Amino acid sequence: DLFAEVMKVSEKVRWSDAKAISENARTRISSSKDGSLGMALVSAIDQSWPASGQILCDMCIAGYWFGGYSVATRPRRIAYPVGWGTLGFALPASIGSAGHMNPTLVICGDGGIAFALSELATIVQENLPITILLHDDGGYGMLRYDQEVMDHPKRGVDLVNPDWKLIAQSFGISFASTTIKELSGELTRAARSGKPEIILITESLNPPKTTSPRWREN
């Protein structure tokens, strides 16, 4: 019968093959003009955040990069609501993850963090080991890119943002502004501190090809 015939087929794909494909893709994207900075961000986080820690990605360009191209070191390390469009997910969700005092990294944009800024009070009150990696590109960067590639006028994608350093100081949270090149060291330090912190990056990132506005590309 059909099942018996299927069982005769030898295995053609092995996990080692999948790993090689993944590594080749990461290398190729890292050397591309529009992907090098995004992959540098992914590598900085992969290399610096402890394997025992949790990482929560919001719906933002930085989150799309890490959620799509990070190296998974263990099951359930990353929470990433891809496909659901739940902007603002990562910051409030991190409180549950950090409740066991597990180092927790939030990757979010300036649009998403604004959904739940009041949760900073809870993070401080409970002294949770949460580091917020905040990518400020002046608005809803993914939607802005979508409008640009479709040659549409920009509408509703630019935001007036607060002074993030003052926001952090008002809650008594440590703050650092850095570059993607220096990010690994900042994340290592923040994870070891076990204290709440906001780390700000402002470099412009192209969305990865895993995002729908780029699916039409060759």
N, C-alpha and C. Protein backbone atom coordinates (compact mmCIF):
# COMPACT_ATOMS: atom_id res chain seq x y z
N ASP A 1 0.83 -1.19 0.00
CA ASP A 1 0.00 0.00 0.00
C ASP A 1 0.88 1.25 0.00
N LEU A 2 0.22 2.41 0.01
CA LEU A 2 0.95 3.67 -0.09
C LEU A 2 1.92 3.86 1.06
N PHE A 3 1.49 3.55 2.29
CA PHE A 3 2.35 3.74 3.46
C PHE A 3 3.62 2.90 3.34
N ALA A 4 3.47 1.67 2.89
CA ALA A 4 4.63 0.79 2.74
C ALA A 4 5.62 1.35 1.73
N GLU A 5 5.09 1.92 0.64
CA GLU A 5 5.97 2.50 -0.37
C GLU A 5 6.70 3.73 0.17
N VAL A 6 5.98 4.55 0.94
CA VAL A 6 6.60 5.75 1.52
C VAL A 6 7.73 5.36 2.46
N MET A 7 7.54 4.31 3.23
CA MET A 7 8.56 3.88 4.19
C MET A 7 9.83 3.38 3.51
N LYS A 8 9.75 3.06 2.22
CA LYS A 8 10.93 2.60 1.50
C LYS A 8 11.84 3.75 1.08
N VAL A 9 11.31 4.96 1.11
CA VAL A 9 12.08 6.12 0.68
C VAL A 9 13.15 6.45 1.72
N SER A 10 14.37 6.53 1.29
CA SER A 10 15.46 6.84 2.21
C SER A 10 15.43 8.32 2.60
N GLU A 11 15.97 8.61 3.77
CA GLU A 11 16.02 9.99 4.25
C GLU A 11 16.93 10.81 3.35
N LYS A 12 16.43 11.94 2.89
CA LYS A 12 17.21 12.78 1.98
C LYS A 12 17.68 14.09 2.62
N VAL A 13 17.07 14.46 3.73
CA VAL A 13 17.45 15.70 4.40
C VAL A 13 17.79 15.38 5.84
N ARG A 14 18.96 15.84 6.28
CA ARG A 14 19.39 15.62 7.65
C ARG A 14 19.50 16.96 8.36
N TRP A 15 19.51 16.93 9.70
CA TRP A 15 19.64 18.17 10.46
C TRP A 15 20.94 18.88 10.12
N SER A 16 21.97 18.10 9.81
CA SER A 16 23.24 18.73 9.44
C SER A 16 23.10 19.53 8.15
N ASP A 17 22.24 19.05 7.24
CA ASP A 17 21.99 19.79 6.00
C ASP A 17 21.29 21.11 6.30
N ALA A 18 20.29 21.04 7.17
CA ALA A 18 19.55 22.25 7.53
C ALA A 18 20.46 23.26 8.21
N LYS A 19 21.36 22.78 9.06
CA LYS A 19 22.29 23.67 9.75
C LYS A 19 23.21 24.35 8.75
N ALA A 20 23.69 23.59 7.78
CA ALA A 20 24.59 24.16 6.77
C ALA A 20 23.87 25.22 5.94
N ILE A 21 22.62 24.94 5.57
CA ILE A 21 21.84 25.91 4.80
C ILE A 21 21.66 27.20 5.60
N SER A 22 21.36 27.05 6.90
CA SER A 22 21.18 28.21 7.77
C SER A 22 22.45 29.03 7.87
N GLU A 23 23.58 28.36 8.08
CA GLU A 23 24.85 29.07 8.21
C GLU A 23 25.22 29.78 6.92
N ASN A 24 24.98 29.13 5.79
CA ASN A 24 25.29 29.75 4.50
C ASN A 24 24.42 30.99 4.27
N ALA A 25 23.16 30.89 4.64
CA ALA A 25 22.25 32.04 4.47
C ALA A 25 22.68 33.20 5.36
N ARG A 26 23.04 32.90 6.59
CA ARG A 26 23.47 33.96 7.51
C ARG A 26 24.73 34.65 7.00
N THR A 27 25.67 33.85 6.48
CA THR A 27 26.91 34.42 5.94
C THR A 27 26.62 35.30 4.73
N ARG A 28 25.75 34.83 3.85
CA ARG A 28 25.41 35.60 2.65
C ARG A 28 24.73 36.91 3.01
N ILE A 29 23.78 36.86 3.93
CA ILE A 29 23.05 38.08 4.32
C ILE A 29 23.99 39.05 5.04
N SER A 30 24.90 38.52 5.85
CA SER A 30 25.84 39.37 6.58
C SER A 30 26.74 40.16 5.66
N SER A 31 27.00 39.62 4.48
CA SER A 31 27.89 40.30 3.53
C SER A 31 27.14 41.19 2.54
N SER A 32 25.81 41.23 2.64
CA SER A 32 25.02 42.04 1.71
C SER A 32 24.90 43.48 2.22
N LYS A 33 24.68 44.39 1.30
CA LYS A 33 24.61 45.81 1.65
C LYS A 33 23.44 46.11 2.57
N ASP A 34 22.29 45.51 2.30
CA ASP A 34 21.09 45.84 3.09
C ASP A 34 20.87 44.91 4.27
N GLY A 35 21.77 43.94 4.45
CA GLY A 35 21.59 42.99 5.55
C GLY A 35 22.70 42.96 6.57
N SER A 36 23.82 43.62 6.28
CA SER A 36 24.99 43.51 7.16
C SER A 36 24.72 44.07 8.55
N LEU A 37 24.05 45.22 8.64
CA LEU A 37 23.82 45.83 9.95
C LEU A 37 22.79 45.02 10.75
N GLY A 38 21.77 44.53 10.08
CA GLY A 38 20.78 43.71 10.77
C GLY A 38 21.39 42.44 11.32
N MET A 39 22.25 41.79 10.54
CA MET A 39 22.90 40.58 11.02
C MET A 39 23.92 40.88 12.11
N ALA A 40 24.53 42.07 12.07
CA ALA A 40 25.43 42.47 13.15
C ALA A 40 24.66 42.60 14.46
N LEU A 41 23.43 43.11 14.38
CA LEU A 41 22.56 43.19 15.55
C LEU A 41 22.26 41.80 16.09
N VAL A 42 21.88 40.89 15.20
CA VAL A 42 21.57 39.51 15.60
C VAL A 42 22.78 38.87 16.28
N SER A 43 23.95 39.01 15.67
CA SER A 43 25.16 38.41 16.22
C SER A 43 25.52 38.99 17.58
N ALA A 44 25.34 40.29 17.74
CA ALA A 44 25.66 40.93 19.02
C ALA A 44 24.80 40.35 20.14
N ILE A 45 23.53 40.13 19.86
CA ILE A 45 22.63 39.57 20.88
C ILE A 45 22.95 38.10 21.12
N ASP A 46 23.14 37.34 20.04
CA ASP A 46 23.46 35.91 20.17
C ASP A 46 24.71 35.70 21.01
N GLN A 47 25.71 36.55 20.82
CA GLN A 47 27.00 36.36 21.48
C GLN A 47 27.01 36.84 22.92
N SER A 48 26.08 37.70 23.30
CA SER A 48 26.19 38.35 24.60
C SER A 48 25.11 37.98 25.60
N TRP A 49 23.90 37.67 25.14
CA TRP A 49 22.85 37.39 26.11
C TRP A 49 22.99 35.96 26.61
N PRO A 50 22.93 35.73 27.93
CA PRO A 50 23.18 34.39 28.47
C PRO A 50 22.20 33.36 27.92
N ALA A 51 22.70 32.14 27.70
CA ALA A 51 21.86 31.07 27.15
C ALA A 51 20.68 30.75 28.04
N SER A 52 20.84 30.97 29.34
CA SER A 52 19.76 30.68 30.29
C SER A 52 18.69 31.77 30.30
N GLY A 53 18.98 32.91 29.67
CA GLY A 53 18.05 34.03 29.70
C GLY A 53 16.97 33.93 28.65
N GLN A 54 15.96 34.77 28.81
CA GLN A 54 14.84 34.82 27.88
C GLN A 54 14.98 36.05 26.98
N ILE A 55 14.42 35.96 25.78
CA ILE A 55 14.42 37.08 24.84
C ILE A 55 13.02 37.21 24.26
N LEU A 56 12.45 38.40 24.37
CA LEU A 56 11.11 38.66 23.85
C LEU A 56 11.19 39.71 22.76
N CYS A 57 10.76 39.35 21.57
CA CYS A 57 10.80 40.25 20.42
C CYS A 57 9.44 40.90 20.21
N ASP A 58 9.45 42.20 20.04
CA ASP A 58 8.23 42.90 19.68
C ASP A 58 8.11 42.93 18.16
N MET A 59 6.99 43.46 17.69
CA MET A 59 6.79 43.62 16.26
C MET A 59 7.49 44.90 15.82
N CYS A 60 8.77 44.78 15.51
CA CYS A 60 9.59 45.92 15.10
C CYS A 60 10.71 45.38 14.22
N ILE A 61 11.40 46.26 13.51
CA ILE A 61 12.44 45.81 12.58
C ILE A 61 13.53 45.05 13.31
N ALA A 62 13.99 45.55 14.45
CA ALA A 62 15.02 44.84 15.22
C ALA A 62 14.51 43.46 15.66
N GLY A 63 13.25 43.40 16.06
CA GLY A 63 12.66 42.13 16.46
C GLY A 63 12.52 41.17 15.30
N TYR A 64 12.19 41.68 14.12
CA TYR A 64 12.08 40.82 12.94
C TYR A 64 13.45 40.23 12.58
N TRP A 65 14.48 41.03 12.73
CA TRP A 65 15.83 40.52 12.45
C TRP A 65 16.19 39.40 13.42
N PHE A 66 16.04 39.68 14.71
CA PHE A 66 16.47 38.66 15.67
C PHE A 66 15.56 37.44 15.64
N GLY A 67 14.26 37.65 15.59
CA GLY A 67 13.34 36.52 15.57
C GLY A 67 13.51 35.64 14.35
N GLY A 68 13.94 36.23 13.24
CA GLY A 68 14.08 35.46 12.02
C GLY A 68 15.43 34.82 11.81
N TYR A 69 16.49 35.38 12.41
CA TYR A 69 17.84 34.93 12.08
C TYR A 69 18.71 34.55 13.27
N SER A 70 18.17 34.57 14.46
CA SER A 70 18.98 34.19 15.63
C SER A 70 19.24 32.69 15.63
N VAL A 71 20.26 32.30 16.36
CA VAL A 71 20.60 30.88 16.52
C VAL A 71 19.93 30.38 17.80
N ALA A 72 19.00 29.47 17.66
CA ALA A 72 18.28 28.94 18.82
C ALA A 72 19.19 27.99 19.60
N THR A 73 19.46 28.32 20.85
CA THR A 73 20.34 27.48 21.67
C THR A 73 19.58 26.52 22.56
N ARG A 74 18.29 26.75 22.71
CA ARG A 74 17.46 25.84 23.51
C ARG A 74 15.99 26.12 23.21
N PRO A 75 15.11 25.18 23.52
CA PRO A 75 13.68 25.40 23.28
C PRO A 75 13.13 26.53 24.15
N ARG A 76 12.19 27.27 23.61
CA ARG A 76 11.42 28.29 24.33
C ARG A 76 12.27 29.42 24.90
N ARG A 77 13.41 29.65 24.30
CA ARG A 77 14.23 30.78 24.75
C ARG A 77 13.67 32.11 24.24
N ILE A 78 13.07 32.07 23.05
CA ILE A 78 12.60 33.28 22.38
C ILE A 78 11.08 33.28 22.29
N ALA A 79 10.47 34.40 22.63
CA ALA A 79 9.04 34.59 22.42
C ALA A 79 8.87 35.66 21.34
N TYR A 80 8.16 35.30 20.28
CA TYR A 80 8.12 36.15 19.09
C TYR A 80 6.74 35.99 18.43
N PRO A 81 5.85 36.96 18.58
CA PRO A 81 4.47 36.81 18.10
C PRO A 81 4.32 37.07 16.61
N VAL A 82 5.17 36.43 15.81
CA VAL A 82 5.15 36.68 14.37
C VAL A 82 3.80 36.27 13.80
N GLY A 83 3.28 37.11 12.92
CA GLY A 83 2.03 36.81 12.26
C GLY A 83 0.80 37.32 12.98
N TRP A 84 0.92 37.61 14.26
CA TRP A 84 -0.24 38.06 15.02
C TRP A 84 -0.38 39.58 15.02
N GLY A 85 0.69 40.28 14.72
CA GLY A 85 0.62 41.74 14.68
C GLY A 85 0.40 42.38 16.03
N THR A 86 0.87 41.72 17.08
CA THR A 86 0.62 42.22 18.44
C THR A 86 1.70 43.23 18.84
N LEU A 87 1.63 44.40 18.26
CA LEU A 87 2.56 45.47 18.60
C LEU A 87 2.41 45.84 20.07
N GLY A 88 3.54 45.94 20.76
CA GLY A 88 3.52 46.25 22.18
C GLY A 88 3.55 45.03 23.08
N PHE A 89 3.70 43.85 22.51
CA PHE A 89 3.68 42.59 23.26
C PHE A 89 4.85 42.43 24.22
N ALA A 90 6.06 42.76 23.78
CA ALA A 90 7.27 42.30 24.46
C ALA A 90 7.45 42.85 25.87
N LEU A 91 7.23 44.14 26.07
CA LEU A 91 7.50 44.73 27.38
C LEU A 91 6.62 44.14 28.48
N PRO A 92 5.30 44.14 28.36
CA PRO A 92 4.49 43.54 29.43
C PRO A 92 4.72 42.05 29.58
N ALA A 93 4.95 41.34 28.47
CA ALA A 93 5.19 39.89 28.55
C ALA A 93 6.48 39.57 29.29
N SER A 94 7.44 40.47 29.24
CA SER A 94 8.73 40.22 29.89
C SER A 94 8.61 40.11 31.40
N ILE A 95 7.59 40.73 31.96
CA ILE A 95 7.42 40.70 33.42
C ILE A 95 7.18 39.28 33.91
N GLY A 96 6.37 38.53 33.17
CA GLY A 96 6.15 37.14 33.54
C GLY A 96 7.40 36.32 33.42
N SER A 97 8.16 36.53 32.35
CA SER A 97 9.39 35.79 32.14
C SER A 97 10.41 36.07 33.23
N ALA A 98 10.51 37.33 33.63
CA ALA A 98 11.52 37.73 34.62
C ALA A 98 11.07 37.48 36.05
N GLY A 99 9.84 37.00 36.23
CA GLY A 99 9.33 36.77 37.58
C GLY A 99 10.14 35.76 38.37
N HIS A 100 10.83 34.86 37.65
CA HIS A 100 11.70 33.88 38.30
C HIS A 100 13.14 34.40 38.39
N MET A 101 13.30 35.70 38.20
CA MET A 101 14.60 36.38 38.25
C MET A 101 15.55 35.84 37.19
N ASN A 102 14.97 35.50 36.05
CA ASN A 102 15.74 35.04 34.91
C ASN A 102 16.08 36.24 34.03
N PRO A 103 17.36 36.44 33.67
CA PRO A 103 17.71 37.59 32.83
C PRO A 103 16.84 37.62 31.57
N THR A 104 16.16 38.73 31.35
CA THR A 104 15.19 38.83 30.27
C THR A 104 15.49 40.04 29.41
N LEU A 105 15.55 39.81 28.10
CA LEU A 105 15.83 40.89 27.15
C LEU A 105 14.57 41.19 26.34
N VAL A 106 14.20 42.46 26.30
CA VAL A 106 13.10 42.93 25.46
C VAL A 106 13.70 43.62 24.24
N ILE A 107 13.30 43.19 23.05
CA ILE A 107 13.71 43.86 21.82
C ILE A 107 12.48 44.57 21.26
N CYS A 108 12.50 45.89 21.28
CA CYS A 108 11.30 46.62 20.86
C CYS A 108 11.68 47.91 20.15
N GLY A 109 10.70 48.49 19.49
CA GLY A 109 10.88 49.76 18.83
C GLY A 109 10.23 50.89 19.61
N ASP A 110 10.41 52.10 19.12
CA ASP A 110 9.86 53.26 19.82
C ASP A 110 8.34 53.29 19.75
N GLY A 111 7.75 52.67 18.74
CA GLY A 111 6.30 52.59 18.68
C GLY A 111 5.74 51.58 19.67
N GLY A 112 6.34 50.40 19.72
CA GLY A 112 5.83 49.33 20.58
C GLY A 112 5.99 49.59 22.06
N ILE A 113 7.10 50.19 22.46
CA ILE A 113 7.32 50.41 23.89
C ILE A 113 6.29 51.38 24.46
N ALA A 114 5.79 52.29 23.62
CA ALA A 114 4.84 53.29 24.09
C ALA A 114 3.50 52.68 24.50
N PHE A 115 3.23 51.46 24.06
CA PHE A 115 1.98 50.80 24.42
C PHE A 115 1.91 50.48 25.92
N ALA A 116 3.07 50.34 26.56
CA ALA A 116 3.05 49.85 27.94
C ALA A 116 4.15 50.48 28.79
N LEU A 117 4.40 51.77 28.60
CA LEU A 117 5.44 52.43 29.39
C LEU A 117 5.16 52.36 30.88
N SER A 118 3.90 52.28 31.26
CA SER A 118 3.58 52.22 32.69
C SER A 118 4.12 50.96 33.35
N GLU A 119 4.41 49.93 32.54
CA GLU A 119 4.96 48.70 33.11
C GLU A 119 6.38 48.90 33.65
N LEU A 120 7.02 49.99 33.28
CA LEU A 120 8.33 50.28 33.86
C LEU A 120 8.23 50.41 35.37
N ALA A 121 7.10 50.91 35.85
CA ALA A 121 6.91 51.04 37.30
C ALA A 121 6.90 49.66 37.97
N THR A 122 6.24 48.70 37.33
CA THR A 122 6.21 47.34 37.88
C THR A 122 7.60 46.72 37.87
N ILE A 123 8.33 46.93 36.79
CA ILE A 123 9.67 46.38 36.67
C ILE A 123 10.57 46.90 37.79
N VAL A 124 10.46 48.19 38.07
CA VAL A 124 11.27 48.78 39.15
C VAL A 124 10.78 48.33 40.51
N GLN A 125 9.48 48.32 40.69
CA GLN A 125 8.90 47.92 41.98
C GLN A 125 9.34 46.52 42.38
N GLU A 126 9.38 45.60 41.40
CA GLU A 126 9.76 44.22 41.68
C GLU A 126 11.25 43.96 41.45
N ASN A 127 11.98 45.00 41.04
CA ASN A 127 13.42 44.90 40.78
C ASN A 127 13.73 43.72 39.86
N LEU A 128 13.06 43.68 38.72
CA LEU A 128 13.18 42.56 37.80
C LEU A 128 14.39 42.71 36.88
N PRO A 129 15.05 41.61 36.56
CA PRO A 129 16.25 41.66 35.71
C PRO A 129 15.90 41.78 34.23
N ILE A 130 15.30 42.89 33.86
CA ILE A 130 14.85 43.11 32.49
C ILE A 130 15.68 44.20 31.83
N THR A 131 16.25 43.87 30.70
CA THR A 131 16.95 44.85 29.87
C THR A 131 16.10 45.12 28.63
N ILE A 132 15.85 46.38 28.36
CA ILE A 132 15.05 46.77 27.20
C ILE A 132 16.00 47.31 26.13
N LEU A 133 16.11 46.57 25.03
CA LEU A 133 16.87 47.05 23.88
C LEU A 133 15.90 47.81 22.98
N LEU A 134 16.01 49.12 23.01
CA LEU A 134 15.06 50.00 22.34
C LEU A 134 15.67 50.55 21.05
N HIS A 135 15.04 50.22 19.93
CA HIS A 135 15.47 50.74 18.64
C HIS A 135 14.55 51.90 18.25
N ASP A 136 15.07 53.10 18.30
CA ASP A 136 14.30 54.30 17.98
C ASP A 136 14.65 54.75 16.56
N ASP A 137 13.71 54.54 15.65
CA ASP A 137 13.90 55.03 14.28
C ASP A 137 12.88 56.12 13.94
N GLY A 138 12.34 56.74 14.98
CA GLY A 138 11.48 57.89 14.77
C GLY A 138 10.06 57.59 14.36
N GLY A 139 9.62 56.36 14.59
CA GLY A 139 8.24 56.04 14.24
C GLY A 139 8.04 54.58 13.95
N TYR A 140 7.01 54.30 13.18
CA TYR A 140 6.71 52.92 12.78
C TYR A 140 7.53 52.59 11.54
N GLY A 141 8.76 52.15 11.77
CA GLY A 141 9.72 51.98 10.68
C GLY A 141 9.30 50.96 9.65
N MET A 142 8.66 49.88 10.09
CA MET A 142 8.23 48.86 9.15
C MET A 142 7.15 49.38 8.21
N LEU A 143 6.19 50.10 8.78
CA LEU A 143 5.12 50.67 7.96
C LEU A 143 5.66 51.77 7.05
N ARG A 144 6.62 52.52 7.53
CA ARG A 144 7.25 53.57 6.72
C ARG A 144 7.92 52.95 5.49
N TYR A 145 8.64 51.86 5.74
CA TYR A 145 9.31 51.17 4.64
C TYR A 145 8.30 50.65 3.62
N ASP A 146 7.21 50.10 4.12
CA ASP A 146 6.16 49.58 3.25
C ASP A 146 5.62 50.68 2.33
N GLN A 147 5.38 51.86 2.90
CA GLN A 147 4.88 52.97 2.09
C GLN A 147 5.91 53.43 1.07
N GLU A 148 7.18 53.41 1.47
CA GLU A 148 8.24 53.85 0.56
C GLU A 148 8.37 52.92 -0.64
N VAL A 149 8.40 51.61 -0.41
CA VAL A 149 8.61 50.68 -1.52
C VAL A 149 7.39 50.62 -2.44
N MET A 150 6.22 50.96 -1.90
CA MET A 150 5.01 51.01 -2.73
C MET A 150 4.81 52.37 -3.37
N ASP A 151 5.78 53.28 -3.14
CA ASP A 151 5.74 54.63 -3.69
C ASP A 151 4.47 55.37 -3.26
N HIS A 152 4.11 55.17 -2.00
CA HIS A 152 2.96 55.87 -1.43
C HIS A 152 3.46 57.03 -0.56
N PRO A 153 2.70 58.08 -0.41
CA PRO A 153 3.10 59.15 0.51
C PRO A 153 3.10 58.64 1.95
N LYS A 154 4.01 59.16 2.75
CA LYS A 154 4.07 58.74 4.15
C LYS A 154 2.88 59.28 4.92
N ARG A 155 2.19 58.40 5.61
CA ARG A 155 1.03 58.80 6.41
C ARG A 155 1.05 58.05 7.74
N GLY A 156 1.07 58.79 8.83
CA GLY A 156 0.91 58.20 10.15
C GLY A 156 2.03 57.31 10.62
N VAL A 157 3.24 57.48 10.08
CA VAL A 157 4.33 56.58 10.45
C VAL A 157 5.44 57.25 11.25
N ASP A 158 5.43 58.56 11.33
CA ASP A 158 6.45 59.29 12.09
C ASP A 158 5.88 59.68 13.46
N LEU A 159 6.70 59.48 14.49
CA LEU A 159 6.26 59.73 15.86
C LEU A 159 7.08 60.83 16.51
N VAL A 160 6.46 61.55 17.42
CA VAL A 160 7.17 62.48 18.31
C VAL A 160 7.50 61.70 19.58
N ASN A 161 8.76 61.45 19.80
CA ASN A 161 9.17 60.59 20.92
C ASN A 161 9.70 61.40 22.10
N PRO A 162 9.60 60.84 23.29
CA PRO A 162 10.15 61.51 24.47
C PRO A 162 11.66 61.34 24.53
N ASP A 163 12.26 61.99 25.49
CA ASP A 163 13.68 61.78 25.79
C ASP A 163 13.77 60.49 26.59
N TRP A 164 14.28 59.43 25.96
CA TRP A 164 14.27 58.12 26.61
C TRP A 164 15.14 58.08 27.85
N LYS A 165 16.20 58.86 27.85
CA LYS A 165 17.05 58.91 29.03
C LYS A 165 16.29 59.49 30.22
N LEU A 166 15.51 60.54 29.97
CA LEU A 166 14.72 61.13 31.05
C LEU A 166 13.62 60.18 31.51
N ILE A 167 13.03 59.44 30.57
CA ILE A 167 12.04 58.43 30.95
C ILE A 167 12.66 57.41 31.90
N ALA A 168 13.84 56.91 31.54
CA ALA A 168 14.52 55.93 32.39
C ALA A 168 14.84 56.52 33.75
N GLN A 169 15.38 57.73 33.76
CA GLN A 169 15.75 58.37 35.02
C GLN A 169 14.54 58.61 35.91
N SER A 170 13.41 58.92 35.31
CA SER A 170 12.21 59.20 36.11
C SER A 170 11.73 57.97 36.86
N PHE A 171 12.06 56.79 36.35
CA PHE A 171 11.71 55.55 37.03
C PHE A 171 12.88 54.97 37.83
N GLY A 172 14.03 55.62 37.76
CA GLY A 172 15.21 55.10 38.45
C GLY A 172 15.83 53.92 37.75
N ILE A 173 15.69 53.87 36.43
CA ILE A 173 16.23 52.77 35.63
C ILE A 173 17.53 53.21 34.97
N SER A 174 18.52 52.32 34.94
CA SER A 174 19.77 52.62 34.27
C SER A 174 19.53 52.81 32.78
N PHE A 175 20.37 53.65 32.17
CA PHE A 175 20.19 53.97 30.76
C PHE A 175 21.54 54.02 30.07
N ALA A 176 21.59 53.51 28.84
CA ALA A 176 22.79 53.61 28.02
C ALA A 176 22.38 53.79 26.57
N SER A 177 23.11 54.64 25.87
CA SER A 177 22.91 54.82 24.43
C SER A 177 24.16 54.30 23.73
N THR A 178 23.99 53.44 22.74
CA THR A 178 25.14 52.80 22.14
C THR A 178 24.91 52.59 20.65
N THR A 179 25.87 51.95 20.00
CA THR A 179 25.77 51.57 18.60
C THR A 179 25.70 50.05 18.51
N ILE A 180 25.30 49.57 17.35
CA ILE A 180 25.25 48.12 17.17
C ILE A 180 26.65 47.52 17.29
N LYS A 181 27.66 48.25 16.86
CA LYS A 181 29.04 47.76 16.97
C LYS A 181 29.44 47.53 18.42
N GLU A 182 28.97 48.38 19.32
CA GLU A 182 29.32 48.28 20.74
C GLU A 182 28.26 47.57 21.57
N LEU A 183 27.23 47.06 20.92
CA LEU A 183 26.08 46.53 21.64
C LEU A 183 26.39 45.30 22.47
N SER A 184 27.22 44.42 21.97
CA SER A 184 27.50 43.17 22.67
C SER A 184 28.02 43.41 24.08
N GLY A 185 28.96 44.34 24.21
CA GLY A 185 29.51 44.65 25.53
C GLY A 185 28.48 45.23 26.47
N GLU A 186 27.61 46.09 25.95
CA GLU A 186 26.56 46.69 26.78
C GLU A 186 25.57 45.63 27.27
N LEU A 187 25.21 44.70 26.39
CA LEU A 187 24.27 43.65 26.79
C LEU A 187 24.88 42.71 27.82
N THR A 188 26.15 42.38 27.64
CA THR A 188 26.83 41.52 28.62
C THR A 188 26.83 42.17 29.99
N ARG A 189 27.17 43.45 30.03
CA ARG A 189 27.18 44.17 31.30
C ARG A 189 25.79 44.23 31.93
N ALA A 190 24.79 44.53 31.11
CA ALA A 190 23.43 44.65 31.63
C ALA A 190 22.91 43.32 32.18
N ALA A 191 23.20 42.23 31.48
CA ALA A 191 22.74 40.91 31.94
C ALA A 191 23.38 40.55 33.28
N ARG A 192 24.64 40.89 33.44
CA ARG A 192 25.34 40.57 34.68
C ARG A 192 24.84 41.42 35.85
N SER A 193 24.38 42.61 35.56
CA SER A 193 23.94 43.50 36.65
C SER A 193 22.68 42.98 37.32
N GLY A 194 21.81 42.32 36.55
CA GLY A 194 20.56 41.83 37.12
C GLY A 194 19.57 42.93 37.47
N LYS A 195 19.80 44.13 36.95
CA LYS A 195 18.95 45.29 37.26
C LYS A 195 18.20 45.75 36.01
N PRO A 196 17.09 46.46 36.20
CA PRO A 196 16.39 47.01 35.04
C PRO A 196 17.25 48.03 34.29
N GLU A 197 17.19 47.98 32.97
CA GLU A 197 17.98 48.92 32.18
C GLU A 197 17.34 49.11 30.80
N ILE A 198 17.53 50.31 30.26
CA ILE A 198 17.16 50.60 28.88
C ILE A 198 18.43 50.87 28.09
N ILE A 199 18.61 50.17 26.98
CA ILE A 199 19.74 50.40 26.08
C ILE A 199 19.17 50.88 24.75
N LEU A 200 19.57 52.06 24.34
CA LEU A 200 19.02 52.71 23.15
C LEU A 200 19.97 52.59 21.97
N ILE A 201 19.43 52.20 20.81
CA ILE A 201 20.16 52.28 19.54
C ILE A 201 19.29 53.05 18.55
N THR A 202 19.93 53.82 17.69
CA THR A 202 19.17 54.68 16.77
C THR A 202 19.57 54.51 15.31
N GLU A 203 20.44 53.56 15.03
CA GLU A 203 20.87 53.36 13.65
C GLU A 203 19.73 52.87 12.76
N SER A 204 19.75 53.28 11.52
CA SER A 204 18.70 52.88 10.58
C SER A 204 18.91 51.44 10.12
N LEU A 205 17.86 50.64 10.23
CA LEU A 205 17.92 49.24 9.83
C LEU A 205 16.97 48.99 8.67
N ASN A 206 17.45 48.31 7.64
CA ASN A 206 16.54 47.82 6.60
C ASN A 206 15.78 46.62 7.14
N PRO A 207 14.52 46.47 6.81
CA PRO A 207 13.80 45.27 7.23
C PRO A 207 14.41 44.03 6.58
N PRO A 208 14.36 42.89 7.25
CA PRO A 208 14.87 41.66 6.63
C PRO A 208 13.93 41.15 5.55
N LYS A 209 14.41 40.23 4.74
CA LYS A 209 13.59 39.69 3.65
C LYS A 209 12.49 38.77 4.13
N THR A 210 12.46 38.47 5.42
CA THR A 210 11.36 37.68 5.97
C THR A 210 10.09 38.51 6.13
N THR A 211 10.18 39.83 5.96
CA THR A 211 9.01 40.70 6.11
C THR A 211 8.29 40.87 4.78
N SER A 212 6.98 40.97 4.83
CA SER A 212 6.15 40.92 3.62
C SER A 212 6.45 41.99 2.57
N PRO A 213 6.84 43.23 2.93
CA PRO A 213 7.12 44.20 1.87
C PRO A 213 8.29 43.80 0.97
N ARG A 214 9.11 42.82 1.43
CA ARG A 214 10.27 42.43 0.64
C ARG A 214 10.07 41.09 -0.07
N TRP A 215 8.92 40.49 0.08
CA TRP A 215 8.69 39.19 -0.55
C TRP A 215 8.71 39.27 -2.07
N ARG A 216 8.42 40.43 -2.61
CA ARG A 216 8.37 40.57 -4.07
C ARG A 216 9.77 40.67 -4.68
N GLU A 217 10.79 40.81 -3.84
CA GLU A 217 12.15 40.94 -4.36
C GLU A 217 12.66 39.59 -4.86
N ASN A 218 13.63 39.65 -5.78
CA ASN A 218 14.26 38.42 -6.27
C ASN A 218 15.22 37.88 -5.22
